[in-house]
Amino acid sequence: MRMRRNREWGRWPGRRKRTSITYASTITERYKELFDGGLGRYTGGKATLRVRDGAAPVFHRARPLPYALRDRVDAELERMLRDGVIEPVDCSDWASPLVPVNKADGSLRICADYKATVNPVLLVDRYPLPKIDDVIVRLSGAQYFSKIDLSQAYNQIELDDTKKYTVINTHRGLYRYNRAVLC
């Protein structure tokens, strides 16, 4: 008895080789809620901004925004509102001006200029970084490596009550970050 070729795969039935593409498809199908395209949420804790005791609040007005960017900035603010990254606030003692930044793929990133507001009063954790040579030596015996690119990774980490320092002043009013800020 002769077996017919499987036209879909171009091979004999039952002899299909498992490739990295088919393996990735299996993983994405099994954990489809993780690959739904929405913004993820880190559940292992919340980020805290530690500010010096007695730090005086700083409020900056919104910077002028070019009319050519308004629609794109509005769309990004709406997306951030929908995803729960930011929330509108009526008033705040702290406010930093919004800074729109063009990304390499042509989309827009909403940033804030914290250099004159929060950055000078933040308490920074200082610790030694490993030398790159030491890291490479430790990886030398490894057999498997992976690359993970989390979409909007910082925005997946929630902020605790110290989010009051992350308010941005925009042409539409004040917004407070509920998630960690990239820039």
N, C-alpha and C. Protein backbone atom coordinates (compact mmCIF):
# COMPACT_ATOMS: atom_id res chain seq x y z
N MET A 1 0.85 -1.18 0.00
CA MET A 1 0.00 0.00 0.00
C MET A 1 0.89 1.23 0.00
N ARG A 2 0.62 2.14 -0.88
CA ARG A 2 1.38 3.39 -0.97
C ARG A 2 0.67 4.48 -0.17
N MET A 3 1.48 5.32 0.50
CA MET A 3 0.91 6.44 1.25
C MET A 3 0.87 7.66 0.34
N ARG A 4 -0.18 8.44 0.47
CA ARG A 4 -0.28 9.67 -0.31
C ARG A 4 0.48 10.77 0.41
N ARG A 5 1.08 11.65 -0.37
CA ARG A 5 1.79 12.80 0.22
C ARG A 5 0.79 13.79 0.80
N ASN A 6 1.17 14.39 1.89
CA ASN A 6 0.37 15.44 2.50
C ASN A 6 0.66 16.72 1.74
N ARG A 7 -0.27 17.18 0.95
CA ARG A 7 -0.04 18.36 0.10
C ARG A 7 0.22 19.63 0.91
N GLU A 8 -0.43 19.72 2.05
CA GLU A 8 -0.27 20.92 2.87
C GLU A 8 1.18 21.12 3.31
N TRP A 9 1.84 20.06 3.69
CA TRP A 9 3.21 20.17 4.20
C TRP A 9 4.25 19.74 3.18
N GLY A 10 3.84 19.04 2.12
CA GLY A 10 4.81 18.59 1.13
C GLY A 10 5.66 17.44 1.63
N ARG A 11 5.22 16.73 2.66
CA ARG A 11 5.97 15.62 3.24
C ARG A 11 5.02 14.46 3.48
N TRP A 12 5.59 13.35 3.82
CA TRP A 12 4.78 12.19 4.15
C TRP A 12 4.08 12.42 5.48
N PRO A 13 2.85 11.93 5.61
CA PRO A 13 2.12 12.11 6.86
C PRO A 13 2.90 11.54 8.04
N GLY A 14 2.86 12.25 9.17
CA GLY A 14 3.51 11.79 10.38
C GLY A 14 5.00 12.04 10.44
N ARG A 15 5.56 12.64 9.41
CA ARG A 15 7.01 12.87 9.40
C ARG A 15 7.33 14.35 9.42
N ARG A 16 6.40 15.15 9.88
CA ARG A 16 6.61 16.59 9.91
C ARG A 16 7.61 16.94 11.00
N LYS A 17 8.58 17.75 10.66
CA LYS A 17 9.61 18.17 11.61
C LYS A 17 9.11 19.38 12.39
N ARG A 18 9.32 19.37 13.68
CA ARG A 18 8.90 20.50 14.51
C ARG A 18 9.92 21.61 14.39
N THR A 19 9.51 22.74 13.86
CA THR A 19 10.41 23.87 13.69
C THR A 19 10.14 24.90 14.78
N SER A 20 11.01 25.88 14.85
CA SER A 20 10.81 26.92 15.86
C SER A 20 9.53 27.71 15.58
N ILE A 21 9.15 27.80 14.31
CA ILE A 21 7.92 28.53 13.96
C ILE A 21 6.70 27.75 14.46
N THR A 22 6.67 26.45 14.23
CA THR A 22 5.51 25.68 14.71
C THR A 22 5.49 25.63 16.23
N TYR A 23 6.67 25.60 16.85
CA TYR A 23 6.72 25.61 18.31
C TYR A 23 6.21 26.94 18.85
N ALA A 24 6.61 28.04 18.23
CA ALA A 24 6.13 29.37 18.65
C ALA A 24 4.62 29.47 18.47
N SER A 25 4.11 28.91 17.39
CA SER A 25 2.66 28.93 17.16
C SER A 25 1.93 28.16 18.26
N THR A 26 2.51 27.05 18.68
CA THR A 26 1.90 26.26 19.75
C THR A 26 1.87 27.06 21.05
N ILE A 27 2.96 27.73 21.36
CA ILE A 27 3.03 28.53 22.59
C ILE A 27 2.03 29.68 22.54
N THR A 28 1.98 30.41 21.43
CA THR A 28 1.06 31.55 21.34
C THR A 28 -0.39 31.09 21.38
N GLU A 29 -0.68 29.90 20.87
CA GLU A 29 -2.04 29.38 20.94
C GLU A 29 -2.39 28.97 22.37
N ARG A 30 -1.45 28.35 23.06
CA ARG A 30 -1.71 27.88 24.42
C ARG A 30 -1.90 29.05 25.39
N TYR A 31 -1.14 30.12 25.21
CA TYR A 31 -1.20 31.27 26.11
C TYR A 31 -1.71 32.51 25.37
N LYS A 32 -2.79 32.35 24.64
CA LYS A 32 -3.27 33.44 23.77
C LYS A 32 -3.63 34.71 24.54
N GLU A 33 -4.01 34.60 25.83
CA GLU A 33 -4.33 35.81 26.59
C GLU A 33 -3.10 36.69 26.80
N LEU A 34 -1.91 36.10 26.71
CA LEU A 34 -0.68 36.88 26.85
C LEU A 34 -0.27 37.56 25.56
N PHE A 35 -0.83 37.10 24.45
CA PHE A 35 -0.45 37.62 23.14
C PHE A 35 -1.62 38.30 22.45
N ASP A 36 -2.52 38.88 23.21
CA ASP A 36 -3.71 39.48 22.63
C ASP A 36 -3.47 40.88 22.06
N GLY A 37 -2.27 41.40 22.21
CA GLY A 37 -1.95 42.72 21.66
C GLY A 37 -2.22 43.86 22.63
N GLY A 38 -2.87 43.57 23.75
CA GLY A 38 -3.15 44.61 24.73
C GLY A 38 -1.95 44.84 25.64
N LEU A 39 -2.08 45.84 26.48
CA LEU A 39 -1.01 46.17 27.42
C LEU A 39 -1.06 45.21 28.60
N GLY A 40 0.05 44.57 28.89
CA GLY A 40 0.13 43.65 30.01
C GLY A 40 0.23 44.39 31.33
N ARG A 41 0.19 43.62 32.42
CA ARG A 41 0.28 44.21 33.75
C ARG A 41 1.15 43.31 34.62
N TYR A 42 2.21 43.89 35.16
CA TYR A 42 3.09 43.17 36.08
C TYR A 42 2.38 43.08 37.43
N THR A 43 2.28 41.86 37.96
CA THR A 43 1.52 41.66 39.20
C THR A 43 2.41 41.35 40.40
N GLY A 44 3.72 41.47 40.25
CA GLY A 44 4.63 41.14 41.34
C GLY A 44 4.92 42.26 42.30
N GLY A 45 4.22 43.36 42.22
CA GLY A 45 4.44 44.49 43.11
C GLY A 45 4.26 45.80 42.36
N LYS A 46 4.37 46.88 43.08
CA LYS A 46 4.22 48.21 42.49
C LYS A 46 5.51 48.99 42.66
N ALA A 47 5.75 49.89 41.72
CA ALA A 47 6.94 50.74 41.78
C ALA A 47 6.69 51.91 42.73
N THR A 48 7.75 52.34 43.40
CA THR A 48 7.69 53.45 44.34
C THR A 48 8.70 54.51 43.95
N LEU A 49 8.28 55.75 43.99
CA LEU A 49 9.20 56.87 43.79
C LEU A 49 9.55 57.41 45.17
N ARG A 50 10.80 57.29 45.53
CA ARG A 50 11.23 57.79 46.84
C ARG A 50 11.75 59.22 46.68
N VAL A 51 11.11 60.15 47.38
CA VAL A 51 11.43 61.58 47.27
C VAL A 51 12.00 62.05 48.61
N ARG A 52 12.97 62.95 48.54
CA ARG A 52 13.58 63.51 49.75
C ARG A 52 12.53 64.13 50.67
N ASP A 53 12.72 63.97 51.96
CA ASP A 53 11.81 64.59 52.93
C ASP A 53 11.86 66.11 52.78
N GLY A 54 10.71 66.72 52.83
CA GLY A 54 10.63 68.18 52.76
C GLY A 54 10.80 68.75 51.36
N ALA A 55 10.72 67.92 50.33
CA ALA A 55 10.87 68.41 48.96
C ALA A 55 9.70 69.32 48.61
N ALA A 56 10.01 70.50 48.09
CA ALA A 56 8.97 71.46 47.72
C ALA A 56 8.37 71.07 46.37
N PRO A 57 7.04 71.02 46.27
CA PRO A 57 6.40 70.69 45.00
C PRO A 57 6.75 71.71 43.92
N VAL A 58 6.87 71.22 42.69
CA VAL A 58 7.17 72.09 41.55
C VAL A 58 6.10 71.86 40.49
N PHE A 59 5.49 72.95 40.03
CA PHE A 59 4.43 72.89 39.03
C PHE A 59 4.87 73.71 37.82
N HIS A 60 4.99 73.04 36.66
CA HIS A 60 5.32 73.74 35.42
C HIS A 60 4.09 73.77 34.52
N ARG A 61 3.94 74.87 33.82
CA ARG A 61 2.81 74.97 32.89
C ARG A 61 3.08 74.11 31.66
N ALA A 62 2.05 73.88 30.89
CA ALA A 62 2.19 73.10 29.66
C ALA A 62 2.98 73.90 28.63
N ARG A 63 3.83 73.21 27.89
CA ARG A 63 4.58 73.86 26.81
C ARG A 63 3.69 73.97 25.59
N PRO A 64 3.96 74.97 24.75
CA PRO A 64 3.19 75.05 23.51
C PRO A 64 3.40 73.80 22.66
N LEU A 65 2.34 73.30 22.07
CA LEU A 65 2.41 72.10 21.25
C LEU A 65 2.11 72.48 19.81
N PRO A 66 2.98 72.15 18.86
CA PRO A 66 2.72 72.49 17.46
C PRO A 66 1.39 71.89 16.99
N TYR A 67 0.63 72.66 16.23
CA TYR A 67 -0.66 72.18 15.74
C TYR A 67 -0.52 70.93 14.90
N ALA A 68 0.60 70.77 14.23
CA ALA A 68 0.82 69.59 13.39
C ALA A 68 0.90 68.31 14.21
N LEU A 69 1.21 68.42 15.49
CA LEU A 69 1.33 67.24 16.36
C LEU A 69 0.09 66.99 17.21
N ARG A 70 -0.82 67.92 17.25
CA ARG A 70 -1.96 67.80 18.19
C ARG A 70 -2.79 66.55 18.00
N ASP A 71 -3.10 66.21 16.75
CA ASP A 71 -3.93 65.02 16.52
C ASP A 71 -3.22 63.76 16.98
N ARG A 72 -1.92 63.66 16.70
CA ARG A 72 -1.16 62.48 17.11
C ARG A 72 -1.02 62.41 18.62
N VAL A 73 -0.77 63.55 19.26
CA VAL A 73 -0.67 63.58 20.73
C VAL A 73 -2.01 63.23 21.36
N ASP A 74 -3.10 63.79 20.81
CA ASP A 74 -4.44 63.47 21.33
C ASP A 74 -4.73 61.97 21.21
N ALA A 75 -4.38 61.39 20.06
CA ALA A 75 -4.62 59.96 19.86
C ALA A 75 -3.82 59.12 20.86
N GLU A 76 -2.58 59.50 21.11
CA GLU A 76 -1.75 58.75 22.06
C GLU A 76 -2.27 58.93 23.49
N LEU A 77 -2.69 60.14 23.85
CA LEU A 77 -3.28 60.35 25.18
C LEU A 77 -4.55 59.51 25.34
N GLU A 78 -5.37 59.43 24.30
CA GLU A 78 -6.59 58.61 24.36
C GLU A 78 -6.26 57.14 24.54
N ARG A 79 -5.23 56.66 23.82
CA ARG A 79 -4.82 55.27 23.97
C ARG A 79 -4.33 55.00 25.40
N MET A 80 -3.54 55.93 25.94
CA MET A 80 -3.03 55.77 27.30
C MET A 80 -4.17 55.80 28.33
N LEU A 81 -5.17 56.64 28.10
CA LEU A 81 -6.35 56.67 28.98
C LEU A 81 -7.10 55.34 28.91
N ARG A 82 -7.32 54.85 27.69
CA ARG A 82 -8.04 53.60 27.48
C ARG A 82 -7.32 52.41 28.13
N ASP A 83 -5.98 52.41 28.07
CA ASP A 83 -5.19 51.32 28.65
C ASP A 83 -4.96 51.49 30.15
N GLY A 84 -5.41 52.60 30.73
CA GLY A 84 -5.23 52.82 32.16
C GLY A 84 -3.84 53.27 32.56
N VAL A 85 -3.05 53.72 31.59
CA VAL A 85 -1.69 54.19 31.89
C VAL A 85 -1.75 55.54 32.59
N ILE A 86 -2.67 56.40 32.17
CA ILE A 86 -2.84 57.72 32.78
C ILE A 86 -4.29 57.91 33.17
N GLU A 87 -4.53 58.91 34.02
CA GLU A 87 -5.89 59.29 34.39
C GLU A 87 -5.93 60.80 34.55
N PRO A 88 -7.04 61.43 34.19
CA PRO A 88 -7.13 62.88 34.34
C PRO A 88 -7.23 63.27 35.82
N VAL A 89 -6.63 64.40 36.16
CA VAL A 89 -6.75 64.95 37.51
C VAL A 89 -7.13 66.43 37.40
N ASP A 90 -7.87 66.92 38.38
CA ASP A 90 -8.31 68.32 38.36
C ASP A 90 -7.21 69.27 38.78
N CYS A 91 -6.46 68.90 39.81
CA CYS A 91 -5.40 69.77 40.30
C CYS A 91 -4.28 68.93 40.88
N SER A 92 -3.11 69.55 40.98
CA SER A 92 -1.95 68.85 41.52
C SER A 92 -0.91 69.86 41.97
N ASP A 93 -0.15 69.51 42.99
CA ASP A 93 0.97 70.36 43.42
C ASP A 93 2.18 70.15 42.52
N TRP A 94 2.27 68.97 41.92
CA TRP A 94 3.38 68.63 41.03
C TRP A 94 2.87 68.55 39.60
N ALA A 95 3.63 69.09 38.66
CA ALA A 95 3.29 68.94 37.24
C ALA A 95 4.53 69.18 36.39
N SER A 96 4.72 68.31 35.42
CA SER A 96 5.83 68.43 34.48
C SER A 96 5.26 68.59 33.08
N PRO A 97 5.93 69.36 32.23
CA PRO A 97 5.40 69.56 30.88
C PRO A 97 5.53 68.30 30.02
N LEU A 98 4.54 68.11 29.17
CA LEU A 98 4.54 67.01 28.21
C LEU A 98 5.59 67.25 27.13
N VAL A 99 6.26 66.18 26.70
CA VAL A 99 7.24 66.26 25.62
C VAL A 99 6.92 65.14 24.63
N PRO A 100 6.42 65.46 23.42
CA PRO A 100 6.18 64.41 22.43
C PRO A 100 7.49 64.02 21.74
N VAL A 101 7.71 62.73 21.57
CA VAL A 101 8.94 62.23 20.95
C VAL A 101 8.55 61.26 19.83
N ASN A 102 9.10 61.49 18.64
CA ASN A 102 8.87 60.58 17.53
C ASN A 102 9.72 59.33 17.70
N LYS A 103 9.08 58.15 17.57
CA LYS A 103 9.80 56.89 17.66
C LYS A 103 10.31 56.49 16.28
N ALA A 104 11.21 55.53 16.24
CA ALA A 104 11.83 55.10 14.98
C ALA A 104 10.80 54.54 14.00
N ASP A 105 9.73 53.93 14.52
CA ASP A 105 8.71 53.36 13.63
C ASP A 105 7.69 54.38 13.15
N GLY A 106 7.88 55.65 13.50
CA GLY A 106 6.98 56.71 13.05
C GLY A 106 5.88 57.04 14.04
N SER A 107 5.70 56.21 15.06
CA SER A 107 4.66 56.51 16.05
C SER A 107 5.20 57.53 17.05
N LEU A 108 4.34 57.91 17.98
CA LEU A 108 4.67 58.97 18.92
C LEU A 108 4.72 58.42 20.34
N ARG A 109 5.68 58.86 21.11
CA ARG A 109 5.78 58.50 22.52
C ARG A 109 5.53 59.77 23.34
N ILE A 110 4.70 59.64 24.36
CA ILE A 110 4.46 60.76 25.27
C ILE A 110 5.47 60.67 26.40
N CYS A 111 6.26 61.71 26.56
CA CYS A 111 7.23 61.78 27.65
C CYS A 111 6.93 63.02 28.48
N ALA A 112 7.60 63.12 29.59
CA ALA A 112 7.48 64.30 30.45
C ALA A 112 8.88 64.80 30.77
N ASP A 113 9.00 66.09 30.95
CA ASP A 113 10.29 66.69 31.30
C ASP A 113 10.38 66.78 32.82
N TYR A 114 10.91 65.73 33.43
CA TYR A 114 11.01 65.66 34.89
C TYR A 114 12.30 66.26 35.42
N LYS A 115 13.16 66.77 34.55
CA LYS A 115 14.48 67.23 35.02
C LYS A 115 14.38 68.44 35.96
N ALA A 116 13.34 69.24 35.86
CA ALA A 116 13.22 70.41 36.72
C ALA A 116 12.19 70.20 37.84
N THR A 117 11.53 69.05 37.85
CA THR A 117 10.50 68.83 38.86
C THR A 117 10.88 67.69 39.81
N VAL A 118 10.71 66.47 39.39
CA VAL A 118 10.88 65.31 40.26
C VAL A 118 12.32 64.82 40.34
N ASN A 119 13.02 64.80 39.23
CA ASN A 119 14.38 64.22 39.22
C ASN A 119 15.32 64.78 40.29
N PRO A 120 15.35 66.10 40.51
CA PRO A 120 16.29 66.62 41.52
C PRO A 120 16.01 66.16 42.96
N VAL A 121 14.78 65.75 43.24
CA VAL A 121 14.44 65.37 44.62
C VAL A 121 14.27 63.87 44.81
N LEU A 122 14.49 63.08 43.76
CA LEU A 122 14.39 61.63 43.88
C LEU A 122 15.58 61.07 44.65
N LEU A 123 15.31 60.09 45.49
CA LEU A 123 16.38 59.34 46.16
C LEU A 123 16.71 58.15 45.26
N VAL A 124 17.94 58.12 44.78
CA VAL A 124 18.33 57.11 43.80
C VAL A 124 19.07 55.98 44.50
N ASP A 125 18.69 54.75 44.19
CA ASP A 125 19.41 53.59 44.70
C ASP A 125 20.70 53.44 43.91
N ARG A 126 21.81 53.38 44.61
CA ARG A 126 23.11 53.21 43.94
C ARG A 126 23.64 51.81 44.26
N TYR A 127 24.09 51.14 43.23
CA TYR A 127 24.63 49.80 43.39
C TYR A 127 25.61 49.54 42.25
N PRO A 128 26.57 48.64 42.46
CA PRO A 128 27.56 48.38 41.41
C PRO A 128 26.96 47.56 40.27
N LEU A 129 27.30 47.91 39.06
CA LEU A 129 26.88 47.15 37.89
C LEU A 129 27.96 46.14 37.55
N PRO A 130 27.58 44.95 37.10
CA PRO A 130 28.59 43.96 36.73
C PRO A 130 29.32 44.38 35.46
N LYS A 131 30.56 43.93 35.33
CA LYS A 131 31.32 44.19 34.11
C LYS A 131 30.78 43.29 33.01
N ILE A 132 30.73 43.79 31.80
CA ILE A 132 30.19 43.02 30.68
C ILE A 132 30.99 41.75 30.46
N ASP A 133 32.31 41.80 30.67
CA ASP A 133 33.14 40.60 30.50
C ASP A 133 32.73 39.51 31.49
N ASP A 134 32.42 39.89 32.73
CA ASP A 134 31.99 38.91 33.73
C ASP A 134 30.66 38.28 33.35
N VAL A 135 29.76 39.08 32.81
CA VAL A 135 28.45 38.56 32.38
C VAL A 135 28.64 37.57 31.24
N ILE A 136 29.48 37.89 30.28
CA ILE A 136 29.72 37.00 29.14
C ILE A 136 30.34 35.69 29.60
N VAL A 137 31.27 35.75 30.54
CA VAL A 137 31.89 34.52 31.07
C VAL A 137 30.84 33.65 31.74
N ARG A 138 29.94 34.25 32.51
CA ARG A 138 28.89 33.48 33.18
C ARG A 138 27.93 32.84 32.19
N LEU A 139 27.75 33.45 31.03
CA LEU A 139 26.84 32.92 30.01
C LEU A 139 27.52 31.90 29.10
N SER A 140 28.82 31.73 29.22
CA SER A 140 29.57 30.92 28.25
C SER A 140 29.10 29.47 28.18
N GLY A 141 28.63 28.88 29.25
CA GLY A 141 28.19 27.49 29.22
C GLY A 141 26.73 27.31 28.86
N ALA A 142 26.02 28.39 28.65
CA ALA A 142 24.58 28.30 28.39
C ALA A 142 24.31 27.69 27.01
N GLN A 143 23.23 26.93 26.92
CA GLN A 143 22.85 26.33 25.65
C GLN A 143 21.70 27.07 24.99
N TYR A 144 20.87 27.72 25.78
CA TYR A 144 19.70 28.39 25.24
C TYR A 144 19.72 29.86 25.61
N PHE A 145 19.36 30.68 24.67
CA PHE A 145 19.24 32.12 24.89
C PHE A 145 17.90 32.54 24.32
N SER A 146 17.33 33.55 24.90
CA SER A 146 16.08 34.07 24.35
C SER A 146 16.11 35.59 24.38
N LYS A 147 15.29 36.14 23.56
CA LYS A 147 15.15 37.59 23.51
C LYS A 147 13.67 37.90 23.72
N ILE A 148 13.39 38.71 24.69
CA ILE A 148 12.01 39.08 24.98
C ILE A 148 11.89 40.58 24.84
N ASP A 149 10.95 41.01 24.04
CA ASP A 149 10.70 42.43 23.86
C ASP A 149 9.28 42.70 24.33
N LEU A 150 9.15 43.23 25.51
CA LEU A 150 7.83 43.54 26.05
C LEU A 150 7.37 44.87 25.48
N SER A 151 6.21 44.86 24.90
CA SER A 151 5.66 46.09 24.34
C SER A 151 5.36 47.07 25.47
N GLN A 152 5.93 48.25 25.39
CA GLN A 152 5.72 49.29 26.40
C GLN A 152 5.97 48.74 27.81
N ALA A 153 7.13 48.16 27.98
CA ALA A 153 7.45 47.42 29.21
C ALA A 153 7.25 48.25 30.48
N TYR A 154 7.69 49.49 30.47
CA TYR A 154 7.55 50.31 31.68
C TYR A 154 6.08 50.51 32.04
N ASN A 155 5.24 50.66 31.03
CA ASN A 155 3.82 50.89 31.28
C ASN A 155 3.11 49.66 31.82
N GLN A 156 3.80 48.54 31.96
CA GLN A 156 3.20 47.34 32.53
C GLN A 156 3.39 47.27 34.05
N ILE A 157 4.18 48.20 34.60
CA ILE A 157 4.45 48.22 36.04
C ILE A 157 3.61 49.30 36.70
N GLU A 158 2.76 48.91 37.63
CA GLU A 158 1.91 49.89 38.32
C GLU A 158 2.71 50.71 39.32
N LEU A 159 2.24 51.94 39.55
CA LEU A 159 2.83 52.81 40.56
C LEU A 159 1.98 52.77 41.82
N ASP A 160 2.62 52.95 42.97
CA ASP A 160 1.87 53.02 44.22
C ASP A 160 1.39 54.47 44.42
N ASP A 161 1.12 54.85 45.66
CA ASP A 161 0.59 56.19 45.94
C ASP A 161 1.54 57.32 45.60
N THR A 162 2.79 57.02 45.31
CA THR A 162 3.74 58.07 44.94
C THR A 162 3.54 58.54 43.50
N LYS A 163 2.49 58.04 42.83
CA LYS A 163 2.22 58.47 41.47
C LYS A 163 1.84 59.96 41.39
N LYS A 164 1.59 60.58 42.53
CA LYS A 164 1.25 62.01 42.54
C LYS A 164 2.38 62.87 41.97
N TYR A 165 3.60 62.34 41.95
CA TYR A 165 4.75 63.08 41.42
C TYR A 165 4.84 63.00 39.90
N THR A 166 4.04 62.16 39.27
CA THR A 166 4.18 61.91 37.83
C THR A 166 3.19 62.69 36.97
N VAL A 167 2.53 63.67 37.51
CA VAL A 167 1.52 64.43 36.76
C VAL A 167 2.18 65.17 35.59
N ILE A 168 1.53 65.08 34.42
CA ILE A 168 2.00 65.82 33.25
C ILE A 168 0.99 66.90 32.91
N ASN A 169 1.50 68.04 32.48
CA ASN A 169 0.68 69.17 32.10
C ASN A 169 0.62 69.21 30.58
N THR A 170 -0.56 69.07 30.03
CA THR A 170 -0.74 69.00 28.58
C THR A 170 -1.66 70.11 28.10
N HIS A 171 -1.81 70.21 26.79
CA HIS A 171 -2.73 71.19 26.21
C HIS A 171 -4.18 70.84 26.54
N ARG A 172 -4.44 69.61 27.02
CA ARG A 172 -5.78 69.17 27.38
C ARG A 172 -6.02 69.18 28.88
N GLY A 173 -5.01 69.51 29.67
CA GLY A 173 -5.15 69.50 31.12
C GLY A 173 -4.12 68.61 31.78
N LEU A 174 -4.39 68.26 33.04
CA LEU A 174 -3.44 67.47 33.83
C LEU A 174 -3.80 65.98 33.78
N TYR A 175 -2.76 65.15 33.68
CA TYR A 175 -2.92 63.69 33.71
C TYR A 175 -1.88 63.11 34.66
N ARG A 176 -2.29 62.12 35.43
CA ARG A 176 -1.38 61.45 36.35
C ARG A 176 -1.14 60.02 35.83
N TYR A 177 0.12 59.60 35.88
CA TYR A 177 0.47 58.24 35.48
C TYR A 177 0.05 57.25 36.55
N ASN A 178 -0.55 56.14 36.13
CA ASN A 178 -0.87 55.02 37.01
C ASN A 178 0.18 53.92 36.88
N ARG A 179 0.96 54.02 35.82
CA ARG A 179 1.99 53.03 35.52
C ARG A 179 3.34 53.73 35.45
N ALA A 180 4.41 52.96 35.50
CA ALA A 180 5.76 53.53 35.46
C ALA A 180 5.97 54.30 34.16
N VAL A 181 6.82 55.30 34.22
CA VAL A 181 7.05 56.20 33.09
C VAL A 181 8.40 55.88 32.48
N LEU A 182 8.45 55.82 31.15
CA LEU A 182 9.71 55.53 30.46
C LEU A 182 10.62 56.74 30.44
N CYS A 183 10.08 57.89 30.08
CA CYS A 183 10.94 59.08 29.97
C CYS A 183 10.25 60.28 30.56
